[in-house]
Amino acid sequence: MEQSLTLEQVIDFLLETTLFCDLEPDELGDIVQIMQLQRFRRDQAIFREGDEGSAWYVLFDGTARVEKRDPFAPAREVARLEPHACFGEMAILDNSPRSASVIAESDATAFRFPSNLFNMLVDEESLAAYKLIHAMAKSLCVRQRHMNQQMTDLLEAQRAASDFRGSVGSATDKKALSE
């Protein structure tokens, strides 16, 4: 996990990351100036559900899992993150506590973008910051559409199971009456 990165490697990596692909190299320079490199060991929490959202991240190497607490069972894994994944942006967009935990699955390196420094770029009317907010919004829309589809599929499966139970019960009742 000990590696040194050149500025060129960081910029190339970020330009290959969906959230950053619309930025020009000079715009990316503004963003890289506020970026911090953070390393995590396997099973180390990057952040926990309920924590204050003080930064957003891009996974450079390693893998991580996203977990939601369940009051009646162990935490449930809801997503896996691989290099180029951006996460933690919801908390900095709306200043809400973290909605899930992110745990390193392996030794991992992430680029950390502190919200106070990112918000300074927004206040300075940085075009790069505005482009990133727009990209975050698009990314969140994709996630929401995916969740909507999952919810629809779940409700349809639940309705089909209920219809099946009803038809089995109805057939059993008819057989009992005919005997």
Foldseek 3Di string as FASTA:
>chain_A
DDDDDDPVRVLVLQCVAQLQVPDDSVLVVLQVVQKDKDKDAAFAWPDAFQAFLFWKKFWAAAKKWKWAPDPVDHTDTDDIDGGSDIDSVVCLVVRGGHRIIITGNHTTMMIIRTSVSLVVCVVVVRPSSVSSVVSVVVVVVVVVVVVVVVVVVVVVVVVVVVVVVVVVVVVVVVVVVVD
